[in-house]
Amino acid sequence: MSVMREELHHLVDQLPEEKVAPLLRLVKDQLDEPPAVRNLPFIGMLAAEPDFAERAEEILQSEDNHSV
């Protein structure tokens, strides 16, 4: 293993846990691998009237007026 790789390993081992995820993303971006597939089970779970999307702005405005 090269000296630079050993130093990188040593530095990564010293990182606080909250800084590992951003670094992991950075390293993965350098590998030219396809992005990981995300499992988003909440997508499509909203049940509403058929025109809900069309009326979204109107609904949000009425909610703002009620909170004043």
PDB file of N, CA and C in Angstrom:
ATOM      1  N   MET A   1       0.859  -1.176   0.000  1.00  0.00           N
ATOM      2  CA  MET A   1       0.000   0.000   0.000  1.00  0.00           C
ATOM      3  C   MET A   1       0.901   1.234   0.000  1.00  0.00           C
ATOM      4  N   SER A   2       0.517   2.235  -0.777  1.00  0.00           N
ATOM      5  CA  SER A   2       1.323   3.448  -0.869  1.00  0.00           C
ATOM      6  C   SER A   2       1.238   4.256   0.429  1.00  0.00           C
ATOM      7  N   VAL A   3       2.193   5.143   0.588  1.00  0.00           N
ATOM      8  CA  VAL A   3       2.233   6.006   1.772  1.00  0.00           C
ATOM      9  C   VAL A   3       0.984   6.891   1.830  1.00  0.00           C
ATOM     10  N   MET A   4       0.558   7.397   0.670  1.00  0.00           N
ATOM     11  CA  MET A   4      -0.632   8.261   0.656  1.00  0.00           C
ATOM     12  C   MET A   4      -1.876   7.484   1.073  1.00  0.00           C
ATOM     13  N   ARG A   5      -2.027   6.239   0.637  1.00  0.00           N
ATOM     14  CA  ARG A   5      -3.188   5.430   1.038  1.00  0.00           C
ATOM     15  C   ARG A   5      -3.154   5.149   2.535  1.00  0.00           C
ATOM     16  N   GLU A   6      -1.989   4.870   3.050  1.00  0.00           N
ATOM     17  CA  GLU A   6      -1.872   4.628   4.492  1.00  0.00           C
ATOM     18  C   GLU A   6      -2.256   5.872   5.277  1.00  0.00           C
ATOM     19  N   GLU A   7      -1.804   7.032   4.800  1.00  0.00           N
ATOM     20  CA  GLU A   7      -2.151   8.278   5.477  1.00  0.00           C
ATOM     21  C   GLU A   7      -3.664   8.529   5.406  1.00  0.00           C
ATOM     22  N   LEU A   8      -4.247   8.265   4.246  1.00  0.00           N
ATOM     23  CA  LEU A   8      -5.694   8.440   4.093  1.00  0.00           C
ATOM     24  C   LEU A   8      -6.453   7.527   5.054  1.00  0.00           C
ATOM     25  N   HIS A   9      -6.048   6.275   5.140  1.00  0.00           N
ATOM     26  CA  HIS A   9      -6.685   5.346   6.080  1.00  0.00           C
ATOM     27  C   HIS A   9      -6.574   5.867   7.508  1.00  0.00           C
ATOM     28  N   HIS A  10      -5.417   6.330   7.859  1.00  0.00           N
ATOM     29  CA  HIS A  10      -5.194   6.836   9.213  1.00  0.00           C
ATOM     30  C   HIS A  10      -6.094   8.045   9.510  1.00  0.00           C
ATOM     31  N   LEU A  11      -6.179   8.956   8.553  1.00  0.00           N
ATOM     32  CA  LEU A  11      -6.998  10.154   8.740  1.00  0.00           C
ATOM     33  C   LEU A  11      -8.490   9.817   8.825  1.00  0.00           C
ATOM     34  N   VAL A  12      -8.936   8.896   7.981  1.00  0.00           N
ATOM     35  CA  VAL A  12     -10.347   8.500   8.008  1.00  0.00           C
ATOM     36  C   VAL A  12     -10.690   7.878   9.354  1.00  0.00           C
ATOM     37  N   ASP A  13      -9.800   7.079   9.892  1.00  0.00           N
ATOM     38  CA  ASP A  13     -10.042   6.457  11.196  1.00  0.00           C
ATOM     39  C   ASP A  13     -10.178   7.486  12.312  1.00  0.00           C
ATOM     40  N   GLN A  14      -9.620   8.665  12.126  1.00  0.00           N
ATOM     41  CA  GLN A  14      -9.692   9.712  13.149  1.00  0.00           C
ATOM     42  C   GLN A  14     -10.934  10.590  13.030  1.00  0.00           C
ATOM     43  N   LEU A  15     -11.662  10.473  11.933  1.00  0.00           N
ATOM     44  CA  LEU A  15     -12.839  11.328  11.725  1.00  0.00           C
ATOM     45  C   LEU A  15     -13.942  11.037  12.726  1.00  0.00           C
ATOM     46  N   PRO A  16     -14.636  12.083  13.176  1.00  0.00           N
ATOM     47  CA  PRO A  16     -15.838  11.858  13.987  1.00  0.00           C
ATOM     48  C   PRO A  16     -16.915  11.232  13.095  1.00  0.00           C
ATOM     49  N   GLU A  17     -17.776  10.438  13.687  1.00  0.00           N
ATOM     50  CA  GLU A  17     -18.764   9.658  12.929  1.00  0.00           C
ATOM     51  C   GLU A  17     -19.636  10.524  12.017  1.00  0.00           C
ATOM     52  N   GLU A  18     -20.002  11.730  12.450  1.00  0.00           N
ATOM     53  CA  GLU A  18     -20.893  12.567  11.640  1.00  0.00           C
ATOM     54  C   GLU A  18     -20.240  13.071  10.355  1.00  0.00           C
ATOM     55  N   LYS A  19     -18.933  12.966  10.239  1.00  0.00           N
ATOM     56  CA  LYS A  19     -18.252  13.424   9.024  1.00  0.00           C
ATOM     57  C   LYS A  19     -17.945  12.289   8.061  1.00  0.00           C
ATOM     58  N   VAL A  20     -18.274  11.072   8.443  1.00  0.00           N
ATOM     59  CA  VAL A  20     -17.969   9.920   7.595  1.00  0.00           C
ATOM     60  C   VAL A  20     -18.869   9.880   6.361  1.00  0.00           C
ATOM     61  N   ALA A  21     -20.173  10.089   6.526  1.00  0.00           N
ATOM     62  CA  ALA A  21     -21.108   9.987   5.397  1.00  0.00           C
ATOM     63  C   ALA A  21     -20.777  10.968   4.269  1.00  0.00           C
ATOM     64  N   PRO A  22     -20.533  12.254   4.564  1.00  0.00           N
ATOM     65  CA  PRO A  22     -20.193  13.164   3.455  1.00  0.00           C
ATOM     66  C   PRO A  22     -18.899  12.754   2.740  1.00  0.00           C
ATOM     67  N   LEU A  23     -17.945  12.275   3.492  1.00  0.00           N
ATOM     68  CA  LEU A  23     -16.686  11.845   2.877  1.00  0.00           C
ATOM     69  C   LEU A  23     -16.907  10.598   2.027  1.00  0.00           C
ATOM     70  N   LEU A  24     -17.723   9.697   2.514  1.00  0.00           N
ATOM     71  CA  LEU A  24     -18.029   8.485   1.758  1.00  0.00           C
ATOM     72  C   LEU A  24     -18.667   8.836   0.418  1.00  0.00           C
ATOM     73  N   ARG A  25     -19.606   9.798   0.419  1.00  0.00           N
ATOM     74  CA  ARG A  25     -20.225  10.229  -0.842  1.00  0.00           C
ATOM     75  C   ARG A  25     -19.178  10.808  -1.791  1.00  0.00           C
ATOM     76  N   LEU A  26     -18.282  11.609  -1.252  1.00  0.00           N
ATOM     77  CA  LEU A  26     -17.233  12.216  -2.069  1.00  0.00           C
ATOM     78  C   LEU A  26     -16.361  11.149  -2.716  1.00  0.00           C
ATOM     79  N   VAL A  27     -15.964  10.166  -1.944  1.00  0.00           N
ATOM     80  CA  VAL A  27     -15.109   9.102  -2.473  1.00  0.00           C
ATOM     81  C   VAL A  27     -15.869   8.285  -3.513  1.00  0.00           C
ATOM     82  N   LYS A  28     -17.114   7.948  -3.243  1.00  0.00           N
ATOM     83  CA  LYS A  28     -17.900   7.175  -4.201  1.00  0.00           C
ATOM     84  C   LYS A  28     -18.071   7.927  -5.513  1.00  0.00           C
ATOM     85  N   ASP A  29     -18.207   9.243  -5.443  1.00  0.00           N
ATOM     86  CA  ASP A  29     -18.334  10.050  -6.660  1.00  0.00           C
ATOM     87  C   ASP A  29     -17.084   9.942  -7.527  1.00  0.00           C
ATOM     88  N   GLN A  30     -15.947   9.673  -6.930  1.00  0.00           N
ATOM     89  CA  GLN A  30     -14.688   9.567  -7.661  1.00  0.00           C
ATOM     90  C   GLN A  30     -14.522   8.222  -8.365  1.00  0.00           C
ATOM     91  N   LEU A  31     -15.357   7.246  -8.043  1.00  0.00           N
ATOM     92  CA  LEU A  31     -15.193   5.901  -8.579  1.00  0.00           C
ATOM     93  C   LEU A  31     -15.944   5.657  -9.883  1.00  0.00           C
ATOM     94  N   ASP A  32     -16.694   6.624 -10.362  1.00  0.00           N
ATOM     95  CA  ASP A  32     -17.455   6.491 -11.605  1.00  0.00           C
ATOM     96  C   ASP A  32     -18.398   5.292 -11.581  1.00  0.00           C
ATOM     97  N   GLU A  33     -18.940   4.985 -10.421  1.00  0.00           N
ATOM     98  CA  GLU A  33     -19.919   3.916 -10.307  1.00  0.00           C
ATOM     99  C   GLU A  33     -21.310   4.521 -10.446  1.00  0.00           C
ATOM    100  N   PRO A  34     -22.258   3.737 -10.949  1.00  0.00           N
ATOM    101  CA  PRO A  34     -23.624   4.271 -11.005  1.00  0.00           C
ATOM    102  C   PRO A  34     -24.135   4.555  -9.597  1.00  0.00           C
ATOM    103  N   PRO A  35     -24.953   5.581  -9.434  1.00  0.00           N
ATOM    104  CA  PRO A  35     -25.463   5.912  -8.095  1.00  0.00           C
ATOM    105  C   PRO A  35     -26.289   4.764  -7.533  1.00  0.00           C
ATOM    106  N   ALA A  36     -26.273   4.661  -6.227  1.00  0.00           N
ATOM    107  CA  ALA A  36     -27.041   3.619  -5.550  1.00  0.00           C
ATOM    108  C   ALA A  36     -28.530   3.880  -5.726  1.00  0.00           C
ATOM    109  N   VAL A  37     -29.286   2.830  -5.857  1.00  0.00           N
ATOM    110  CA  VAL A  37     -30.738   2.943  -5.974  1.00  0.00           C
ATOM    111  C   VAL A  37     -31.299   3.175  -4.582  1.00  0.00           C
ATOM    112  N   ARG A  38     -32.123   4.183  -4.459  1.00  0.00           N
ATOM    113  CA  ARG A  38     -32.716   4.492  -3.161  1.00  0.00           C
ATOM    114  C   ARG A  38     -34.081   3.834  -3.047  1.00  0.00           C
ATOM    115  N   ASN A  39     -34.354   3.313  -1.890  1.00  0.00           N
ATOM    116  CA  ASN A  39     -35.652   2.738  -1.608  1.00  0.00           C
ATOM    117  C   ASN A  39     -36.479   3.804  -0.900  1.00  0.00           C
ATOM    118  N   LEU A  40     -37.477   4.331  -1.591  1.00  0.00           N
ATOM    119  CA  LEU A  40     -38.319   5.390  -1.043  1.00  0.00           C
ATOM    120  C   LEU A  40     -39.749   4.866  -0.923  1.00  0.00           C
ATOM    121  N   PRO A  41     -40.024   4.096   0.118  1.00  0.00           N
ATOM    122  CA  PRO A  41     -41.332   3.451   0.226  1.00  0.00           C
ATOM    123  C   PRO A  41     -42.499   4.413   0.435  1.00  0.00           C
ATOM    124  N   PHE A  42     -42.232   5.662   0.821  1.00  0.00           N
ATOM    125  CA  PHE A  42     -43.310   6.600   1.075  1.00  0.00           C
ATOM    126  C   PHE A  42     -43.840   7.244  -0.197  1.00  0.00           C
ATOM    127  N   ILE A  43     -43.138   7.090  -1.320  1.00  0.00           N
ATOM    128  CA  ILE A  43     -43.576   7.691  -2.574  1.00  0.00           C
ATOM    129  C   ILE A  43     -44.901   7.056  -3.000  1.00  0.00           C
ATOM    130  N   GLY A  44     -45.858   7.861  -3.347  1.00  0.00           N
ATOM    131  CA  GLY A  44     -47.147   7.380  -3.817  1.00  0.00           C
ATOM    132  C   GLY A  44     -48.111   7.015  -2.712  1.00  0.00           C
ATOM    133  N   MET A  45     -47.820   7.368  -1.480  1.00  0.00           N
ATOM    134  CA  MET A  45     -48.690   6.990  -0.378  1.00  0.00           C
ATOM    135  C   MET A  45     -49.762   8.034  -0.076  1.00  0.00           C
ATOM    136  N   LEU A  46     -49.723   9.165  -0.732  1.00  0.00           N
ATOM    137  CA  LEU A  46     -50.691  10.221  -0.471  1.00  0.00           C
ATOM    138  C   LEU A  46     -52.015   9.907  -1.159  1.00  0.00           C
ATOM    139  N   ALA A  47     -53.060   9.939  -0.416  1.00  0.00           N
ATOM    140  CA  ALA A  47     -54.391   9.745  -0.975  1.00  0.00           C
ATOM    141  C   ALA A  47     -55.114  11.083  -0.921  1.00  0.00           C
ATOM    142  N   ALA A  48     -55.618  11.523  -2.067  1.00  0.00           N
ATOM    143  CA  ALA A  48     -56.292  12.822  -2.114  1.00  0.00           C
ATOM    144  C   ALA A  48     -57.269  12.833  -3.278  1.00  0.00           C
ATOM    145  N   GLU A  49     -58.015  13.911  -3.353  1.00  0.00           N
ATOM    146  CA  GLU A  49     -58.952  14.075  -4.452  1.00  0.00           C
ATOM    147  C   GLU A  49     -58.183  14.168  -5.767  1.00  0.00           C
ATOM    148  N   PRO A  50     -58.836  13.831  -6.891  1.00  0.00           N
ATOM    149  CA  PRO A  50     -58.144  13.854  -8.190  1.00  0.00           C
ATOM    150  C   PRO A  50     -57.572  15.224  -8.559  1.00  0.00           C
ATOM    151  N   ASP A  51     -58.180  16.311  -8.098  1.00  0.00           N
ATOM    152  CA  ASP A  51     -57.693  17.644  -8.481  1.00  0.00           C
ATOM    153  C   ASP A  51     -56.760  18.246  -7.431  1.00  0.00           C
ATOM    154  N   PHE A  52     -56.280  17.448  -6.509  1.00  0.00           N
ATOM    155  CA  PHE A  52     -55.437  17.956  -5.423  1.00  0.00           C
ATOM    156  C   PHE A  52     -54.218  18.712  -5.949  1.00  0.00           C
ATOM    157  N   ALA A  53     -53.522  18.155  -6.917  1.00  0.00           N
ATOM    158  CA  ALA A  53     -52.325  18.808  -7.453  1.00  0.00           C
ATOM    159  C   ALA A  53     -52.674  20.136  -8.121  1.00  0.00           C
ATOM    160  N   GLU A  54     -53.788  20.160  -8.825  1.00  0.00           N
ATOM    161  CA  GLU A  54     -54.211  21.381  -9.500  1.00  0.00           C
ATOM    162  C   GLU A  54     -54.577  22.476  -8.489  1.00  0.00           C
ATOM    163  N   ARG A  55     -55.092  22.080  -7.322  1.00  0.00           N
ATOM    164  CA  ARG A  55     -55.546  23.039  -6.311  1.00  0.00           C
ATOM    165  C   ARG A  55     -54.497  23.307  -5.233  1.00  0.00           C
ATOM    166  N   ALA A  56     -53.279  22.805  -5.390  1.00  0.00           N
ATOM    167  CA  ALA A  56     -52.270  22.886  -4.336  1.00  0.00           C
ATOM    168  C   ALA A  56     -52.013  24.325  -3.881  1.00  0.00           C
ATOM    169  N   GLU A  57     -51.822  25.244  -4.818  1.00  0.00           N
ATOM    170  CA  GLU A  57     -51.553  26.635  -4.431  1.00  0.00           C
ATOM    171  C   GLU A  57     -52.725  27.226  -3.662  1.00  0.00           C
ATOM    172  N   GLU A  58     -53.927  26.968  -4.133  1.00  0.00           N
ATOM    173  CA  GLU A  58     -55.129  27.465  -3.462  1.00  0.00           C
ATOM    174  C   GLU A  58     -55.224  26.904  -2.029  1.00  0.00           C
ATOM    175  N   ILE A  59     -54.954  25.638  -1.880  1.00  0.00           N
ATOM    176  CA  ILE A  59     -55.007  24.994  -0.564  1.00  0.00           C
ATOM    177  C   ILE A  59     -53.966  25.596   0.368  1.00  0.00           C
ATOM    178  N   LEU A  60     -52.753  25.776  -0.129  1.00  0.00           N
ATOM    179  CA  LEU A  60     -51.685  26.345   0.710  1.00  0.00           C
ATOM    180  C   LEU A  60     -52.005  27.781   1.118  1.00  0.00           C
ATOM    181  N   GLN A  61     -52.541  28.558   0.205  1.00  0.00           N
ATOM    182  CA  GLN A  61     -52.902  29.940   0.527  1.00  0.00           C
ATOM    183  C   GLN A  61     -53.995  29.978   1.600  1.00  0.00           C
ATOM    184  N   SER A  62     -54.980  29.093   1.491  1.00  0.00           N
ATOM    185  CA  SER A  62     -56.050  29.089   2.478  1.00  0.00           C
ATOM    186  C   SER A  62     -55.509  28.666   3.846  1.00  0.00           C
ATOM    187  N   GLU A  63     -54.534  27.753   3.868  1.00  0.00           N
ATOM    188  CA  GLU A  63     -53.916  27.357   5.134  1.00  0.00           C
ATOM    189  C   GLU A  63     -53.150  28.515   5.752  1.00  0.00           C
ATOM    190  N   ASP A  64     -52.434  29.289   4.915  1.00  0.00           N
ATOM    191  CA  ASP A  64     -51.719  30.468   5.415  1.00  0.00           C
ATOM    192  C   ASP A  64     -52.678  31.482   6.019  1.00  0.00           C
ATOM    193  N   ASN A  65     -53.817  31.682   5.398  1.00  0.00           N
ATOM    194  CA  ASN A  65     -54.799  32.653   5.885  1.00  0.00           C
ATOM    195  C   ASN A  65     -55.402  32.198   7.214  1.00  0.00           C
ATOM    196  N   HIS A  66     -55.539  30.907   7.414  1.00  0.00           N
ATOM    197  CA  HIS A  66     -56.102  30.380   8.654  1.00  0.00           C
ATOM    198  C   HIS A  66     -55.131  30.484   9.820  1.00  0.00           C
ATOM    199  N   SER A  67     -53.822  30.476   9.520  1.00  0.00           N
ATOM    200  CA  SER A  67     -52.834  30.512  10.602  1.00  0.00           C
ATOM    201  C   SER A  67     -52.531  31.932  11.064  1.00  0.00           C
ATOM    202  N   VAL A  68     -53.063  32.946  10.391  1.00  0.00           N
ATOM    203  CA  VAL A  68     -52.807  34.337  10.770  1.00  0.00           C
ATOM    204  C   VAL A  68     -53.699  34.778  11.888  1.00  0.00           C
TER     205      VAL A  68
END
